[in-house]
N, C-alpha and C. Protein backbone atom coordinates (compact mmCIF):
# COMPACT_ATOMS: atom_id res chain seq x y z
N MET A 1 -86.94 57.59 27.69
CA MET A 1 -85.97 58.63 28.00
C MET A 1 -84.71 58.42 27.16
N PHE A 2 -84.18 57.19 27.11
CA PHE A 2 -82.94 56.93 26.37
C PHE A 2 -83.12 57.08 24.86
N SER A 3 -84.36 57.08 24.39
CA SER A 3 -84.60 57.22 22.95
C SER A 3 -85.18 58.59 22.60
N ASP A 4 -85.09 59.54 23.52
CA ASP A 4 -85.63 60.88 23.30
C ASP A 4 -84.48 61.87 23.12
N PRO A 5 -84.41 62.57 21.98
CA PRO A 5 -83.32 63.52 21.75
C PRO A 5 -83.20 64.58 22.84
N ARG A 6 -84.31 64.94 23.45
CA ARG A 6 -84.26 65.97 24.51
C ARG A 6 -83.44 65.50 25.71
N PHE A 7 -83.40 64.19 25.96
CA PHE A 7 -82.59 63.68 27.06
C PHE A 7 -81.10 63.95 26.79
N TYR A 8 -80.67 63.76 25.55
CA TYR A 8 -79.26 63.99 25.21
C TYR A 8 -78.93 65.48 25.20
N GLU A 9 -79.90 66.32 24.84
CA GLU A 9 -79.71 67.77 24.96
C GLU A 9 -79.50 68.15 26.42
N LEU A 10 -80.30 67.55 27.31
CA LEU A 10 -80.14 67.81 28.74
C LEU A 10 -78.78 67.34 29.23
N LEU A 11 -78.36 66.15 28.80
CA LEU A 11 -77.04 65.65 29.19
C LEU A 11 -75.93 66.61 28.76
N THR A 12 -76.03 67.09 27.54
CA THR A 12 -75.03 68.03 27.04
C THR A 12 -75.04 69.31 27.86
N ASP A 13 -76.23 69.82 28.18
CA ASP A 13 -76.34 71.03 29.00
C ASP A 13 -75.72 70.85 30.38
N LEU A 14 -75.81 69.64 30.93
CA LEU A 14 -75.30 69.37 32.28
C LEU A 14 -73.81 69.02 32.32
N THR A 15 -73.20 68.83 31.15
CA THR A 15 -71.80 68.41 31.09
C THR A 15 -70.93 69.60 30.74
N PRO A 16 -70.11 70.07 31.70
CA PRO A 16 -69.24 71.22 31.41
C PRO A 16 -68.29 70.91 30.24
N GLY A 17 -68.17 71.86 29.33
CA GLY A 17 -67.24 71.71 28.22
C GLY A 17 -67.68 70.75 27.15
N ALA A 18 -68.97 70.41 27.08
CA ALA A 18 -69.45 69.44 26.09
C ALA A 18 -70.39 70.09 25.08
N ASP A 19 -70.31 69.60 23.85
CA ASP A 19 -71.22 69.99 22.79
C ASP A 19 -71.60 68.74 22.02
N THR A 20 -72.88 68.60 21.67
CA THR A 20 -73.30 67.47 20.85
C THR A 20 -72.85 67.73 19.42
N VAL A 21 -72.19 66.73 18.83
CA VAL A 21 -71.76 66.80 17.44
C VAL A 21 -72.83 66.18 16.56
N SER A 22 -73.35 65.02 16.97
CA SER A 22 -74.42 64.37 16.22
C SER A 22 -75.18 63.42 17.14
N LEU A 23 -76.42 63.15 16.76
CA LEU A 23 -77.27 62.22 17.49
C LEU A 23 -78.16 61.51 16.48
N GLN A 24 -78.09 60.20 16.48
CA GLN A 24 -78.94 59.40 15.62
C GLN A 24 -79.67 58.38 16.49
N ILE A 25 -81.00 58.39 16.41
CA ILE A 25 -81.82 57.43 17.14
C ILE A 25 -82.68 56.72 16.11
N GLU A 26 -82.54 55.41 16.02
CA GLU A 26 -83.35 54.66 15.06
C GLU A 26 -84.82 54.80 15.43
N ALA A 27 -85.68 54.67 14.44
CA ALA A 27 -87.11 54.89 14.63
C ALA A 27 -87.69 54.05 15.76
N ASP A 28 -87.18 52.84 15.94
CA ASP A 28 -87.71 51.98 17.00
C ASP A 28 -87.03 52.23 18.35
N GLY A 29 -86.07 53.15 18.39
CA GLY A 29 -85.38 53.50 19.63
C GLY A 29 -84.41 52.45 20.12
N GLN A 30 -84.16 51.40 19.32
CA GLN A 30 -83.30 50.32 19.77
C GLN A 30 -81.81 50.62 19.62
N ARG A 31 -81.45 51.55 18.74
CA ARG A 31 -80.04 51.89 18.54
C ARG A 31 -79.89 53.40 18.62
N VAL A 32 -78.96 53.83 19.47
CA VAL A 32 -78.67 55.25 19.66
C VAL A 32 -77.18 55.44 19.40
N THR A 33 -76.84 56.40 18.55
CA THR A 33 -75.44 56.75 18.32
C THR A 33 -75.32 58.25 18.58
N TRP A 34 -74.47 58.60 19.53
CA TRP A 34 -74.36 59.97 20.01
C TRP A 34 -72.90 60.36 20.04
N SER A 35 -72.56 61.46 19.40
CA SER A 35 -71.18 61.97 19.44
C SER A 35 -71.17 63.31 20.15
N GLN A 36 -70.22 63.45 21.05
CA GLN A 36 -70.04 64.68 21.81
C GLN A 36 -68.61 65.14 21.67
N GLN A 37 -68.43 66.44 21.59
CA GLN A 37 -67.08 66.99 21.68
C GLN A 37 -66.89 67.47 23.11
N ILE A 38 -65.81 67.01 23.72
CA ILE A 38 -65.52 67.31 25.12
C ILE A 38 -64.21 68.09 25.19
N ARG A 39 -64.25 69.25 25.83
CA ARG A 39 -63.00 69.98 26.09
C ARG A 39 -62.31 69.29 27.25
N LEU A 40 -61.05 68.98 27.06
CA LEU A 40 -60.31 68.24 28.10
C LEU A 40 -60.04 69.12 29.31
N PRO A 41 -60.21 68.56 30.51
CA PRO A 41 -59.93 69.33 31.72
C PRO A 41 -58.43 69.58 31.87
N ASP A 42 -58.09 70.57 32.67
CA ASP A 42 -56.68 70.92 32.90
C ASP A 42 -55.89 69.78 33.51
N SER A 43 -56.58 68.84 34.16
CA SER A 43 -55.89 67.72 34.82
C SER A 43 -55.31 66.71 33.82
N VAL A 44 -55.69 66.81 32.55
CA VAL A 44 -55.13 65.90 31.54
C VAL A 44 -53.69 66.31 31.28
N PRO A 45 -52.75 65.36 31.37
CA PRO A 45 -51.33 65.68 31.19
C PRO A 45 -51.02 66.27 29.82
N ALA A 46 -50.06 67.16 29.80
CA ALA A 46 -49.65 67.82 28.56
C ALA A 46 -49.22 66.81 27.49
N SER A 47 -48.61 65.72 27.92
CA SER A 47 -48.17 64.70 26.95
C SER A 47 -49.36 64.10 26.22
N LEU A 48 -50.49 63.93 26.89
CA LEU A 48 -51.68 63.40 26.24
C LEU A 48 -52.35 64.48 25.39
N ARG A 49 -52.36 65.71 25.89
CA ARG A 49 -52.94 66.82 25.12
C ARG A 49 -52.22 66.98 23.78
N SER A 50 -50.91 66.71 23.78
CA SER A 50 -50.16 66.84 22.53
C SER A 50 -50.63 65.83 21.49
N VAL A 51 -51.23 64.73 21.93
CA VAL A 51 -51.73 63.71 21.02
C VAL A 51 -53.15 64.02 20.56
N VAL A 52 -54.03 64.43 21.49
CA VAL A 52 -55.45 64.60 21.16
C VAL A 52 -55.90 66.04 21.02
N GLY A 53 -55.11 66.99 21.49
CA GLY A 53 -55.50 68.39 21.42
C GLY A 53 -56.29 68.81 22.65
N ALA A 54 -56.89 69.98 22.58
CA ALA A 54 -57.61 70.55 23.72
C ALA A 54 -59.01 69.95 23.88
N ALA A 55 -59.51 69.29 22.83
CA ALA A 55 -60.84 68.68 22.87
C ALA A 55 -60.81 67.39 22.07
N MET A 56 -61.76 66.53 22.35
CA MET A 56 -61.87 65.29 21.59
C MET A 56 -63.34 64.94 21.40
N THR A 57 -63.60 64.22 20.33
CA THR A 57 -64.96 63.75 20.06
C THR A 57 -65.07 62.31 20.55
N ILE A 58 -66.10 62.05 21.32
CA ILE A 58 -66.36 60.71 21.83
C ILE A 58 -67.70 60.26 21.26
N THR A 59 -67.70 59.09 20.63
CA THR A 59 -68.93 58.54 20.06
C THR A 59 -69.38 57.36 20.89
N GLU A 60 -70.63 57.41 21.33
CA GLU A 60 -71.23 56.34 22.12
C GLU A 60 -72.33 55.69 21.30
N THR A 61 -72.30 54.37 21.23
CA THR A 61 -73.36 53.61 20.57
C THR A 61 -74.02 52.71 21.61
N GLN A 62 -75.34 52.79 21.68
CA GLN A 62 -76.13 51.94 22.57
C GLN A 62 -77.02 51.06 21.70
N GLN A 63 -77.02 49.78 21.96
CA GLN A 63 -77.91 48.84 21.25
C GLN A 63 -78.83 48.23 22.30
N TRP A 64 -80.10 48.65 22.29
CA TRP A 64 -81.07 48.24 23.31
C TRP A 64 -81.81 46.97 22.90
N LEU A 65 -82.07 46.13 23.91
CA LEU A 65 -82.86 44.91 23.75
C LEU A 65 -83.90 44.86 24.85
N THR A 66 -85.03 44.27 24.55
CA THR A 66 -86.04 44.01 25.57
C THR A 66 -86.34 42.52 25.52
N VAL A 67 -86.06 41.83 26.62
CA VAL A 67 -86.31 40.40 26.72
C VAL A 67 -87.10 40.16 27.99
N ASP A 68 -88.24 39.51 27.85
CA ASP A 68 -89.12 39.22 29.00
C ASP A 68 -89.41 40.47 29.82
N GLY A 69 -89.61 41.60 29.13
CA GLY A 69 -89.94 42.84 29.82
C GLY A 69 -88.77 43.55 30.47
N ARG A 70 -87.57 43.02 30.34
CA ARG A 70 -86.38 43.65 30.92
C ARG A 70 -85.60 44.36 29.81
N HIS A 71 -85.14 45.56 30.11
CA HIS A 71 -84.44 46.39 29.12
C HIS A 71 -82.96 46.43 29.45
N SER A 72 -82.13 46.24 28.42
CA SER A 72 -80.68 46.36 28.60
C SER A 72 -80.06 46.83 27.28
N ALA A 73 -78.86 47.36 27.39
CA ALA A 73 -78.16 47.85 26.20
C ALA A 73 -76.70 47.47 26.29
N THR A 74 -76.14 47.12 25.15
CA THR A 74 -74.69 47.05 25.06
C THR A 74 -74.23 48.47 24.71
N VAL A 75 -73.11 48.86 25.27
CA VAL A 75 -72.61 50.22 25.10
C VAL A 75 -71.18 50.15 24.57
N HIS A 76 -70.88 51.02 23.62
CA HIS A 76 -69.54 51.08 23.04
C HIS A 76 -69.17 52.55 22.87
N LEU A 77 -68.10 52.99 23.54
CA LEU A 77 -67.61 54.37 23.42
C LEU A 77 -66.25 54.36 22.78
N VAL A 78 -66.05 55.27 21.83
CA VAL A 78 -64.77 55.38 21.14
C VAL A 78 -64.36 56.84 21.09
N PRO A 79 -63.20 57.18 21.69
CA PRO A 79 -62.69 58.55 21.54
C PRO A 79 -61.95 58.66 20.20
N ALA A 80 -62.33 59.65 19.41
CA ALA A 80 -61.72 59.84 18.09
C ALA A 80 -60.23 60.09 18.22
N GLY A 81 -59.46 59.45 17.37
CA GLY A 81 -58.03 59.69 17.32
C GLY A 81 -57.21 58.94 18.34
N LEU A 82 -57.85 58.11 19.16
CA LEU A 82 -57.12 57.32 20.14
C LEU A 82 -57.40 55.84 19.93
N PRO A 83 -56.39 54.99 20.06
CA PRO A 83 -56.65 53.55 19.98
C PRO A 83 -57.20 53.08 21.33
N ALA A 84 -58.45 53.46 21.60
CA ALA A 84 -59.06 53.16 22.89
C ALA A 84 -60.55 52.92 22.69
N GLN A 85 -61.14 52.22 23.64
CA GLN A 85 -62.58 52.01 23.63
C GLN A 85 -63.07 51.63 25.01
N LEU A 86 -64.35 51.87 25.23
CA LEU A 86 -65.02 51.42 26.44
C LEU A 86 -66.19 50.58 25.97
N THR A 87 -66.31 49.38 26.52
CA THR A 87 -67.45 48.51 26.22
C THR A 87 -68.13 48.16 27.53
N GLY A 88 -69.44 47.99 27.46
CA GLY A 88 -70.16 47.65 28.68
C GLY A 88 -71.63 47.45 28.44
N THR A 89 -72.39 47.53 29.53
CA THR A 89 -73.83 47.34 29.47
C THR A 89 -74.54 48.32 30.39
N TYR A 90 -75.77 48.66 30.01
CA TYR A 90 -76.73 49.34 30.87
C TYR A 90 -77.87 48.34 31.06
N GLU A 91 -78.24 48.07 32.30
CA GLU A 91 -79.37 47.19 32.56
C GLU A 91 -80.36 47.94 33.43
N ILE A 92 -81.59 48.08 32.94
CA ILE A 92 -82.63 48.72 33.72
C ILE A 92 -83.27 47.65 34.59
N ARG A 93 -83.23 47.87 35.92
CA ARG A 93 -83.75 46.91 36.88
C ARG A 93 -84.75 47.60 37.80
N PRO A 94 -85.62 46.83 38.46
CA PRO A 94 -86.50 47.45 39.47
C PRO A 94 -85.67 48.17 40.53
N ALA A 95 -86.22 49.23 41.10
CA ALA A 95 -85.50 50.05 42.07
C ALA A 95 -85.06 49.21 43.26
N ALA A 96 -83.79 49.29 43.57
CA ALA A 96 -83.19 48.66 44.75
C ALA A 96 -81.79 49.22 44.86
N ALA A 97 -81.35 49.45 46.07
CA ALA A 97 -80.01 50.01 46.26
C ALA A 97 -78.97 48.95 45.94
N GLU A 98 -78.20 49.19 44.89
CA GLU A 98 -77.14 48.28 44.47
C GLU A 98 -75.90 49.10 44.13
N ALA A 99 -74.75 48.57 44.45
CA ALA A 99 -73.51 49.22 44.04
C ALA A 99 -73.47 49.21 42.52
N GLY A 100 -73.04 50.31 41.92
CA GLY A 100 -72.92 50.39 40.47
C GLY A 100 -74.21 50.76 39.78
N SER A 101 -75.28 51.05 40.55
CA SER A 101 -76.58 51.39 39.95
C SER A 101 -76.92 52.84 40.24
N HIS A 102 -77.71 53.44 39.36
CA HIS A 102 -78.13 54.82 39.51
C HIS A 102 -79.63 54.87 39.33
N GLN A 103 -80.35 55.45 40.33
CA GLN A 103 -81.80 55.43 40.33
C GLN A 103 -82.38 56.44 39.35
N MET A 104 -83.41 56.02 38.63
CA MET A 104 -84.15 56.88 37.73
C MET A 104 -85.49 56.24 37.46
N THR A 105 -86.32 56.92 36.72
CA THR A 105 -87.61 56.35 36.34
C THR A 105 -87.44 55.63 35.02
N GLY A 106 -87.99 54.43 34.94
CA GLY A 106 -87.78 53.57 33.79
C GLY A 106 -88.69 53.87 32.63
N LEU A 107 -88.65 52.99 31.66
CA LEU A 107 -89.40 53.17 30.44
C LEU A 107 -90.90 53.17 30.70
N ASP A 108 -91.34 52.49 31.76
CA ASP A 108 -92.76 52.45 32.09
C ASP A 108 -93.08 53.36 33.27
N THR A 109 -92.21 54.30 33.59
CA THR A 109 -92.32 55.32 34.64
C THR A 109 -92.34 54.76 36.06
N LYS A 110 -92.02 53.49 36.25
CA LYS A 110 -91.87 52.95 37.60
C LYS A 110 -90.43 53.20 38.04
N PRO A 111 -90.22 53.42 39.36
CA PRO A 111 -88.84 53.62 39.81
C PRO A 111 -87.96 52.43 39.43
N CYS A 112 -86.76 52.73 38.98
CA CYS A 112 -85.85 51.67 38.56
C CYS A 112 -84.41 52.11 38.82
N MET A 113 -83.51 51.19 38.59
CA MET A 113 -82.08 51.45 38.69
C MET A 113 -81.47 51.09 37.33
N VAL A 114 -80.46 51.82 36.96
CA VAL A 114 -79.69 51.44 35.78
C VAL A 114 -78.35 50.95 36.29
N HIS A 115 -78.12 49.66 36.11
CA HIS A 115 -76.86 49.04 36.52
C HIS A 115 -75.88 49.17 35.36
N VAL A 116 -74.72 49.70 35.64
CA VAL A 116 -73.73 49.99 34.60
C VAL A 116 -72.49 49.13 34.85
N THR A 117 -72.05 48.43 33.83
CA THR A 117 -70.76 47.74 33.87
C THR A 117 -69.97 48.20 32.65
N ALA A 118 -68.67 48.32 32.79
CA ALA A 118 -67.86 48.79 31.67
C ALA A 118 -66.41 48.35 31.83
N GLN A 119 -65.76 48.23 30.69
CA GLN A 119 -64.34 47.91 30.66
C GLN A 119 -63.68 48.83 29.66
N VAL A 120 -62.54 49.39 30.05
CA VAL A 120 -61.79 50.30 29.18
C VAL A 120 -60.56 49.57 28.66
N GLN A 121 -60.31 49.74 27.37
CA GLN A 121 -59.12 49.16 26.75
C GLN A 121 -58.40 50.25 25.97
N VAL A 122 -57.10 50.38 26.22
CA VAL A 122 -56.28 51.39 25.53
C VAL A 122 -55.02 50.71 25.01
N ALA A 123 -54.72 50.92 23.74
CA ALA A 123 -53.54 50.33 23.12
C ALA A 123 -52.51 51.40 22.83
N ILE A 124 -51.99 52.02 23.89
CA ILE A 124 -50.95 53.04 23.75
C ILE A 124 -49.81 52.66 24.68
N PRO A 125 -48.63 52.38 24.14
CA PRO A 125 -47.49 52.07 25.00
C PRO A 125 -47.16 53.26 25.91
N ILE A 126 -46.70 53.01 27.06
CA ILE A 126 -46.25 53.96 28.07
C ILE A 126 -47.41 54.74 28.69
N PHE A 127 -48.27 55.37 27.88
CA PHE A 127 -49.36 56.20 28.40
C PHE A 127 -50.67 55.45 28.61
N GLY A 128 -50.74 54.18 28.19
CA GLY A 128 -51.99 53.44 28.20
C GLY A 128 -52.72 53.45 29.53
N ALA A 129 -52.01 53.17 30.62
CA ALA A 129 -52.66 53.12 31.94
C ALA A 129 -53.21 54.49 32.34
N LYS A 130 -52.48 55.55 32.02
CA LYS A 130 -52.95 56.90 32.34
C LYS A 130 -54.20 57.25 31.53
N VAL A 131 -54.21 56.89 30.25
CA VAL A 131 -55.36 57.16 29.40
C VAL A 131 -56.57 56.35 29.89
N GLU A 132 -56.35 55.08 30.27
CA GLU A 132 -57.44 54.27 30.82
C GLU A 132 -58.05 54.93 32.04
N ALA A 133 -57.21 55.45 32.91
CA ALA A 133 -57.70 56.12 34.13
C ALA A 133 -58.52 57.36 33.78
N ILE A 134 -58.08 58.13 32.79
CA ILE A 134 -58.80 59.34 32.39
C ILE A 134 -60.15 58.97 31.78
N ILE A 135 -60.18 57.97 30.91
CA ILE A 135 -61.44 57.54 30.29
C ILE A 135 -62.39 57.00 31.36
N THR A 136 -61.87 56.20 32.27
CA THR A 136 -62.69 55.63 33.34
C THR A 136 -63.29 56.74 34.19
N GLU A 137 -62.49 57.72 34.56
CA GLU A 137 -63.00 58.83 35.38
C GLU A 137 -64.05 59.64 34.62
N HIS A 138 -63.81 59.89 33.34
CA HIS A 138 -64.79 60.63 32.53
C HIS A 138 -66.11 59.86 32.46
N PHE A 139 -66.03 58.54 32.28
CA PHE A 139 -67.24 57.74 32.19
C PHE A 139 -67.99 57.74 33.53
N ARG A 140 -67.28 57.65 34.63
CA ARG A 140 -67.94 57.73 35.96
C ARG A 140 -68.68 59.06 36.10
N GLU A 141 -68.02 60.14 35.70
CA GLU A 141 -68.66 61.46 35.78
C GLU A 141 -69.88 61.51 34.85
N ALA A 142 -69.77 60.91 33.67
CA ALA A 142 -70.89 60.89 32.72
C ALA A 142 -72.07 60.11 33.29
N VAL A 143 -71.80 59.01 33.97
CA VAL A 143 -72.88 58.23 34.59
C VAL A 143 -73.55 59.05 35.68
N SER A 144 -72.77 59.79 36.45
CA SER A 144 -73.35 60.67 37.48
C SER A 144 -74.24 61.74 36.85
N VAL A 145 -73.79 62.31 35.74
CA VAL A 145 -74.58 63.33 35.05
C VAL A 145 -75.87 62.71 34.53
N ARG A 146 -75.81 61.47 34.04
CA ARG A 146 -77.03 60.80 33.56
C ARG A 146 -78.02 60.59 34.71
N SER A 147 -77.51 60.26 35.86
CA SER A 147 -78.37 60.10 37.03
C SER A 147 -79.05 61.43 37.38
N GLN A 148 -78.27 62.50 37.37
CA GLN A 148 -78.81 63.84 37.63
C GLN A 148 -79.85 64.21 36.56
N ALA A 149 -79.54 63.92 35.30
CA ALA A 149 -80.47 64.24 34.21
C ALA A 149 -81.77 63.44 34.35
N ALA A 150 -81.65 62.20 34.78
CA ALA A 150 -82.85 61.37 34.96
C ALA A 150 -83.74 61.93 36.05
N ARG A 151 -83.14 62.41 37.14
CA ARG A 151 -83.94 63.02 38.21
C ARG A 151 -84.65 64.29 37.71
N LEU A 152 -83.94 65.09 36.91
CA LEU A 152 -84.57 66.28 36.33
C LEU A 152 -85.65 65.91 35.33
N TRP A 153 -85.42 64.84 34.59
CA TRP A 153 -86.35 64.37 33.58
C TRP A 153 -87.69 64.00 34.23
N GLN A 154 -87.60 63.42 35.42
CA GLN A 154 -88.80 62.97 36.13
C GLN A 154 -89.63 64.13 36.65
N SER A 155 -88.98 65.27 36.91
CA SER A 155 -89.71 66.39 37.54
C SER A 155 -90.41 67.27 36.55
C-alpha cells in the first residue's frame, strides 16, 4: 500500500485543499518521496500567511526497512520556504490497540497497526512555537486521513 501510487492519489483525494505536486517511488518500494501542495486553512494566522502565502508545498520522504519480517520507515517532512521539519517513524506492528497507532491492513494483508512517532522542529524566532503547533496539527490530521485511506484501501 505505501509503495503504490494509487494510495497517494487516494490520500490527496481525501485531503481538503491538497494537490499532489510529485511522487517518486523507487522500484523496490523502499524509498518514497511525495510532495503535496496544501492550501492553508483560515485558522493560520495572517502573520504566518505573510511568510508562506495561501498555500505551501510539503515534501515527505519515507525510507522503509524490513528487519526480521518487521516493516518500519524513517519519515522526514519539510515545508518549502520554512526553516522547519518533522522527523519520525512509521512502524507496522501486529494489530493491537495502542495509543499512537492507526489500524490498517499490512503488507501481507493481515490486520496491523501503524505506530507513528514524530518530532517537529522550527527555527523561527517569535513565531516558532505557533508554527510547530500548526505543523503538528496538520500531521495529526494527515495520519487520520491515512487511517481512513487504509480502511478504504482494504474494501
